[in-house]
Amino acid sequence: MTSRSTLLAFLAIEILLFAGASLIHAGIPFSGHEHAQARTAEGVIAVVLALGLAICLLRPAAARTVALAAQGFALLGTLVGAFTIAVGVGPQAPADKVFHGILLVLLVAGLVAAWRARRG
């Protein structure tokens, strides 16, 4: 797998996870996990990652920089979410805590892959 396809794969997986989390917090697949602020934040992050993926596809020379920026934004948002969970403001379900941990690991791995990718 080339470094560009690795970046695209990370972005695609992250988009699916954030969009799925946003839907869950909207109560779409099932009720009981609704949380308006989490839904909005995860939706915005999914859109930013999707825009990043689209730009990477349209401008391959910019893929590294765009992947770093989009995933950096997503990491910052995820850290804010993890902080709100830690202080008791955000969703408190055990699944939310595990999910944020998985997202943090995935985003850091994606940032490392982007950092190591060939420029241009």
N, C-alpha and C. Protein backbone atom coordinates (compact mmCIF):
# COMPACT_ATOMS: atom_id res chain seq x y z
N MET A 1 0.85 -1.17 0.00
CA MET A 1 0.00 0.00 0.00
C MET A 1 0.90 1.24 0.00
N THR A 2 0.61 2.16 -0.89
CA THR A 2 1.41 3.38 -0.97
C THR A 2 1.07 4.30 0.19
N SER A 3 1.94 5.26 0.44
CA SER A 3 1.69 6.18 1.53
C SER A 3 0.42 6.99 1.28
N ARG A 4 0.15 7.36 0.03
CA ARG A 4 -1.07 8.10 -0.28
C ARG A 4 -2.30 7.25 -0.01
N SER A 5 -2.28 6.00 -0.41
CA SER A 5 -3.45 5.15 -0.16
C SER A 5 -3.62 4.87 1.33
N THR A 6 -2.52 4.85 2.07
CA THR A 6 -2.62 4.71 3.53
C THR A 6 -3.32 5.92 4.12
N LEU A 7 -2.94 7.11 3.66
CA LEU A 7 -3.59 8.34 4.15
C LEU A 7 -5.08 8.33 3.82
N LEU A 8 -5.42 7.93 2.60
CA LEU A 8 -6.82 7.88 2.20
C LEU A 8 -7.60 6.88 3.04
N ALA A 9 -6.97 5.74 3.34
CA ALA A 9 -7.64 4.72 4.16
C ALA A 9 -7.89 5.24 5.57
N PHE A 10 -6.89 5.88 6.16
CA PHE A 10 -7.09 6.45 7.50
C PHE A 10 -8.25 7.44 7.49
N LEU A 11 -8.25 8.35 6.52
CA LEU A 11 -9.31 9.36 6.45
C LEU A 11 -10.68 8.71 6.28
N ALA A 12 -10.78 7.71 5.41
CA ALA A 12 -12.06 7.05 5.16
C ALA A 12 -12.59 6.36 6.43
N ILE A 13 -11.71 5.66 7.13
CA ILE A 13 -12.12 4.98 8.36
C ILE A 13 -12.55 6.00 9.41
N GLU A 14 -11.80 7.08 9.53
CA GLU A 14 -12.13 8.11 10.52
C GLU A 14 -13.47 8.77 10.19
N ILE A 15 -13.72 9.01 8.91
CA ILE A 15 -15.01 9.59 8.51
C ILE A 15 -16.15 8.68 8.94
N LEU A 16 -16.01 7.40 8.66
CA LEU A 16 -17.07 6.45 9.03
C LEU A 16 -17.30 6.42 10.54
N LEU A 17 -16.22 6.44 11.31
CA LEU A 17 -16.37 6.41 12.77
C LEU A 17 -17.03 7.67 13.31
N PHE A 18 -16.58 8.82 12.86
CA PHE A 18 -17.17 10.07 13.35
C PHE A 18 -18.61 10.24 12.88
N ALA A 19 -18.90 9.90 11.63
CA ALA A 19 -20.28 10.00 11.14
C ALA A 19 -21.18 9.03 11.89
N GLY A 20 -20.69 7.82 12.13
CA GLY A 20 -21.46 6.84 12.89
C GLY A 20 -21.74 7.31 14.30
N ALA A 21 -20.73 7.88 14.96
CA ALA A 21 -20.92 8.39 16.31
C ALA A 21 -21.92 9.54 16.33
N SER A 22 -21.87 10.39 15.31
CA SER A 22 -22.81 11.50 15.22
C SER A 22 -24.24 10.97 15.08
N LEU A 23 -24.42 9.95 14.26
CA LEU A 23 -25.74 9.35 14.10
C LEU A 23 -26.23 8.71 15.40
N ILE A 24 -25.34 8.03 16.10
CA ILE A 24 -25.71 7.41 17.37
C ILE A 24 -26.14 8.48 18.38
N HIS A 25 -25.39 9.58 18.43
CA HIS A 25 -25.75 10.64 19.36
C HIS A 25 -26.97 11.42 18.91
N ALA A 26 -27.40 11.21 17.66
CA ALA A 26 -28.66 11.78 17.18
C ALA A 26 -29.83 10.85 17.48
N GLY A 27 -29.53 9.63 17.92
CA GLY A 27 -30.57 8.66 18.21
C GLY A 27 -31.13 7.96 16.99
N ILE A 28 -30.36 7.98 15.89
CA ILE A 28 -30.88 7.42 14.64
C ILE A 28 -30.93 5.89 14.64
N PRO A 29 -29.83 5.17 14.88
CA PRO A 29 -29.98 3.71 14.84
C PRO A 29 -30.79 3.17 16.02
N PHE A 30 -30.62 3.80 17.16
CA PHE A 30 -31.37 3.40 18.36
C PHE A 30 -31.33 4.55 19.36
N SER A 31 -32.30 4.58 20.24
CA SER A 31 -32.38 5.69 21.19
C SER A 31 -31.65 5.33 22.48
N GLY A 32 -31.44 6.35 23.29
CA GLY A 32 -30.81 6.15 24.58
C GLY A 32 -29.41 6.74 24.69
N HIS A 33 -28.84 7.15 23.56
CA HIS A 33 -27.49 7.72 23.58
C HIS A 33 -27.45 9.11 22.97
N GLU A 34 -28.60 9.78 22.96
CA GLU A 34 -28.68 11.12 22.37
C GLU A 34 -27.86 12.12 23.19
N HIS A 35 -27.14 12.94 22.46
CA HIS A 35 -26.36 14.01 23.10
C HIS A 35 -26.09 15.05 22.01
N ALA A 36 -26.78 16.17 22.08
CA ALA A 36 -26.76 17.16 21.00
C ALA A 36 -25.37 17.72 20.73
N GLN A 37 -24.63 18.07 21.79
CA GLN A 37 -23.30 18.66 21.58
C GLN A 37 -22.35 17.64 20.95
N ALA A 38 -22.38 16.40 21.41
CA ALA A 38 -21.51 15.37 20.85
C ALA A 38 -21.89 15.10 19.39
N ARG A 39 -23.20 15.06 19.12
CA ARG A 39 -23.67 14.84 17.75
C ARG A 39 -23.12 15.92 16.83
N THR A 40 -23.22 17.16 17.25
CA THR A 40 -22.76 18.28 16.42
C THR A 40 -21.24 18.23 16.23
N ALA A 41 -20.51 18.05 17.30
CA ALA A 41 -19.05 18.03 17.21
C ALA A 41 -18.57 16.89 16.30
N GLU A 42 -19.12 15.71 16.50
CA GLU A 42 -18.69 14.57 15.68
C GLU A 42 -19.11 14.75 14.22
N GLY A 43 -20.26 15.37 13.99
CA GLY A 43 -20.67 15.65 12.62
C GLY A 43 -19.75 16.64 11.93
N VAL A 44 -19.37 17.69 12.65
CA VAL A 44 -18.44 18.68 12.08
C VAL A 44 -17.10 18.03 11.77
N ILE A 45 -16.61 17.21 12.69
CA ILE A 45 -15.33 16.53 12.45
C ILE A 45 -15.43 15.61 11.25
N ALA A 46 -16.54 14.89 11.11
CA ALA A 46 -16.73 14.00 9.95
C ALA A 46 -16.71 14.79 8.65
N VAL A 47 -17.34 15.97 8.65
CA VAL A 47 -17.36 16.81 7.45
C VAL A 47 -15.96 17.32 7.12
N VAL A 48 -15.22 17.76 8.12
CA VAL A 48 -13.85 18.24 7.88
C VAL A 48 -12.99 17.11 7.32
N LEU A 49 -13.11 15.92 7.89
CA LEU A 49 -12.35 14.77 7.37
C LEU A 49 -12.78 14.43 5.94
N ALA A 50 -14.07 14.51 5.65
CA ALA A 50 -14.57 14.23 4.30
C ALA A 50 -14.04 15.26 3.30
N LEU A 51 -14.02 16.52 3.70
CA LEU A 51 -13.44 17.54 2.83
C LEU A 51 -11.95 17.27 2.60
N GLY A 52 -11.27 16.87 3.67
CA GLY A 52 -9.86 16.51 3.54
C GLY A 52 -9.66 15.36 2.57
N LEU A 53 -10.50 14.34 2.67
CA LEU A 53 -10.40 13.21 1.75
C LEU A 53 -10.65 13.65 0.31
N ALA A 54 -11.67 14.48 0.11
CA ALA A 54 -11.97 14.96 -1.24
C ALA A 54 -10.80 15.75 -1.82
N ILE A 55 -10.21 16.60 -1.01
CA ILE A 55 -9.06 17.38 -1.50
C ILE A 55 -7.89 16.46 -1.80
N CYS A 56 -7.67 15.46 -0.96
CA CYS A 56 -6.58 14.50 -1.21
C CYS A 56 -6.79 13.78 -2.54
N LEU A 57 -8.04 13.46 -2.86
CA LEU A 57 -8.33 12.78 -4.12
C LEU A 57 -8.17 13.70 -5.31
N LEU A 58 -8.55 14.96 -5.15
CA LEU A 58 -8.48 15.92 -6.25
C LEU A 58 -7.08 16.51 -6.44
N ARG A 59 -6.34 16.62 -5.36
CA ARG A 59 -5.00 17.22 -5.41
C ARG A 59 -4.00 16.31 -4.70
N PRO A 60 -3.60 15.23 -5.34
CA PRO A 60 -2.70 14.26 -4.70
C PRO A 60 -1.42 14.88 -4.14
N ALA A 61 -0.93 15.92 -4.76
CA ALA A 61 0.31 16.55 -4.28
C ALA A 61 0.12 17.18 -2.90
N ALA A 62 -1.11 17.50 -2.55
CA ALA A 62 -1.39 18.14 -1.27
C ALA A 62 -1.83 17.14 -0.20
N ALA A 63 -1.86 15.86 -0.53
CA ALA A 63 -2.44 14.85 0.37
C ALA A 63 -1.80 14.85 1.76
N ARG A 64 -0.50 14.92 1.82
CA ARG A 64 0.17 14.88 3.12
C ARG A 64 -0.24 16.06 3.99
N THR A 65 -0.17 17.25 3.45
CA THR A 65 -0.50 18.45 4.20
C THR A 65 -1.97 18.46 4.62
N VAL A 66 -2.84 18.09 3.70
CA VAL A 66 -4.27 18.08 3.98
C VAL A 66 -4.60 17.03 5.03
N ALA A 67 -4.00 15.84 4.91
CA ALA A 67 -4.25 14.78 5.90
C ALA A 67 -3.77 15.21 7.28
N LEU A 68 -2.63 15.87 7.35
CA LEU A 68 -2.14 16.38 8.64
C LEU A 68 -3.12 17.39 9.23
N ALA A 69 -3.60 18.31 8.40
CA ALA A 69 -4.50 19.35 8.89
C ALA A 69 -5.84 18.77 9.33
N ALA A 70 -6.44 17.93 8.50
CA ALA A 70 -7.76 17.38 8.83
C ALA A 70 -7.71 16.49 10.07
N GLN A 71 -6.69 15.64 10.13
CA GLN A 71 -6.58 14.75 11.29
C GLN A 71 -6.15 15.51 12.54
N GLY A 72 -5.38 16.56 12.37
CA GLY A 72 -5.02 17.40 13.52
C GLY A 72 -6.25 18.06 14.11
N PHE A 73 -7.13 18.56 13.24
CA PHE A 73 -8.39 19.14 13.69
C PHE A 73 -9.23 18.09 14.42
N ALA A 74 -9.31 16.90 13.83
CA ALA A 74 -10.09 15.82 14.45
C ALA A 74 -9.51 15.41 15.80
N LEU A 75 -8.19 15.38 15.90
CA LEU A 75 -7.55 15.04 17.18
C LEU A 75 -7.86 16.10 18.23
N LEU A 76 -7.78 17.34 17.85
CA LEU A 76 -8.10 18.42 18.80
C LEU A 76 -9.54 18.29 19.29
N GLY A 77 -10.47 18.07 18.37
CA GLY A 77 -11.87 17.90 18.75
C GLY A 77 -12.09 16.68 19.63
N THR A 78 -11.38 15.60 19.35
CA THR A 78 -11.51 14.38 20.15
C THR A 78 -10.94 14.59 21.54
N LEU A 79 -9.85 15.33 21.64
CA LEU A 79 -9.29 15.64 22.95
C LEU A 79 -10.26 16.49 23.77
N VAL A 80 -10.94 17.42 23.12
CA VAL A 80 -11.96 18.21 23.82
C VAL A 80 -13.08 17.29 24.31
N GLY A 81 -13.51 16.37 23.46
CA GLY A 81 -14.54 15.41 23.85
C GLY A 81 -14.10 14.53 25.01
N ALA A 82 -12.87 14.05 24.96
CA ALA A 82 -12.35 13.22 26.05
C ALA A 82 -12.27 14.02 27.34
N PHE A 83 -11.90 15.28 27.23
CA PHE A 83 -11.84 16.14 28.42
C PHE A 83 -13.24 16.33 29.02
N THR A 84 -14.23 16.58 28.16
CA THR A 84 -15.59 16.77 28.68
C THR A 84 -16.10 15.50 29.35
N ILE A 85 -15.74 14.36 28.82
CA ILE A 85 -16.11 13.09 29.46
C ILE A 85 -15.42 12.99 30.82
N ALA A 86 -14.14 13.33 30.85
CA ALA A 86 -13.36 13.21 32.09
C ALA A 86 -13.90 14.10 33.20
N VAL A 87 -14.39 15.28 32.85
CA VAL A 87 -14.90 16.20 33.88
C VAL A 87 -16.39 16.02 34.14
N GLY A 88 -17.02 15.07 33.44
CA GLY A 88 -18.42 14.75 33.70
C GLY A 88 -19.44 15.56 32.94
N VAL A 89 -19.01 16.29 31.91
CA VAL A 89 -19.93 17.10 31.14
C VAL A 89 -20.47 16.33 29.93
N GLY A 90 -19.60 15.59 29.27
CA GLY A 90 -19.98 14.88 28.06
C GLY A 90 -20.67 13.56 28.37
N PRO A 91 -20.97 12.80 27.32
CA PRO A 91 -21.61 11.50 27.51
C PRO A 91 -20.77 10.63 28.44
N GLN A 92 -21.41 9.88 29.30
CA GLN A 92 -20.68 9.11 30.32
C GLN A 92 -20.79 7.60 30.13
N ALA A 93 -21.37 7.14 29.05
CA ALA A 93 -21.49 5.70 28.83
C ALA A 93 -20.10 5.09 28.67
N PRO A 94 -19.89 3.89 29.20
CA PRO A 94 -18.58 3.23 29.01
C PRO A 94 -18.18 3.14 27.54
N ALA A 95 -19.16 2.95 26.66
CA ALA A 95 -18.86 2.87 25.23
C ALA A 95 -18.26 4.18 24.71
N ASP A 96 -18.73 5.31 25.23
CA ASP A 96 -18.18 6.61 24.82
C ASP A 96 -16.70 6.72 25.22
N LYS A 97 -16.39 6.26 26.40
CA LYS A 97 -15.00 6.32 26.88
C LYS A 97 -14.09 5.44 26.04
N VAL A 98 -14.54 4.22 25.77
CA VAL A 98 -13.75 3.30 24.94
C VAL A 98 -13.61 3.85 23.53
N PHE A 99 -14.72 4.35 22.99
CA PHE A 99 -14.71 4.89 21.63
C PHE A 99 -13.73 6.05 21.50
N HIS A 100 -13.73 6.95 22.46
CA HIS A 100 -12.78 8.08 22.41
C HIS A 100 -11.34 7.59 22.49
N GLY A 101 -11.09 6.57 23.29
CA GLY A 101 -9.75 5.99 23.35
C GLY A 101 -9.32 5.42 22.01
N ILE A 102 -10.23 4.71 21.35
CA ILE A 102 -9.94 4.14 20.03
C ILE A 102 -9.69 5.26 19.02
N LEU A 103 -10.52 6.30 19.05
CA LEU A 103 -10.34 7.42 18.14
C LEU A 103 -8.99 8.10 18.33
N LEU A 104 -8.60 8.28 19.58
CA LEU A 104 -7.31 8.93 19.86
C LEU A 104 -6.16 8.11 19.28
N VAL A 105 -6.19 6.80 19.48
CA VAL A 105 -5.13 5.94 18.94
C VAL A 105 -5.13 5.99 17.41
N LEU A 106 -6.31 5.89 16.81
CA LEU A 106 -6.42 5.91 15.35
C LEU A 106 -5.94 7.25 14.77
N LEU A 107 -6.34 8.34 15.38
CA LEU A 107 -5.94 9.65 14.87
C LEU A 107 -4.43 9.88 15.01
N VAL A 108 -3.86 9.47 16.12
CA VAL A 108 -2.41 9.60 16.28
C VAL A 108 -1.69 8.74 15.23
N ALA A 109 -2.17 7.52 15.02
CA ALA A 109 -1.56 6.66 13.99
C ALA A 109 -1.70 7.28 12.61
N GLY A 110 -2.84 7.88 12.32
CA GLY A 110 -3.03 8.55 11.03
C GLY A 110 -2.12 9.75 10.87
N LEU A 111 -1.93 10.50 11.95
CA LEU A 111 -1.02 11.64 11.89
C LEU A 111 0.43 11.19 11.69
N VAL A 112 0.81 10.11 12.34
CA VAL A 112 2.17 9.57 12.16
C VAL A 112 2.35 9.13 10.71
N ALA A 113 1.33 8.43 10.16
CA ALA A 113 1.41 7.99 8.76
C ALA A 113 1.52 9.19 7.82
N ALA A 114 0.75 10.24 8.10
CA ALA A 114 0.81 11.43 7.26
C ALA A 114 2.17 12.12 7.38
N TRP A 115 2.68 12.19 8.59
CA TRP A 115 3.97 12.83 8.81
C TRP A 115 5.09 12.11 8.06
N ARG A 116 5.01 10.78 8.05
CA ARG A 116 6.03 9.96 7.39
C ARG A 116 5.85 9.85 5.89
N ALA A 117 4.70 10.25 5.38
CA ALA A 117 4.42 10.13 3.94
C ALA A 117 5.36 11.02 3.15
N ARG A 118 5.60 10.58 1.93
CA ARG A 118 6.44 11.39 1.03
C ARG A 118 5.76 12.72 0.75
N ARG A 119 6.56 13.74 0.67
CA ARG A 119 6.02 15.05 0.32
C ARG A 119 5.78 15.11 -1.16
N GLY A 120 4.62 15.77 -1.50
CA GLY A 120 4.30 16.00 -2.91
C GLY A 120 4.15 14.75 -3.64
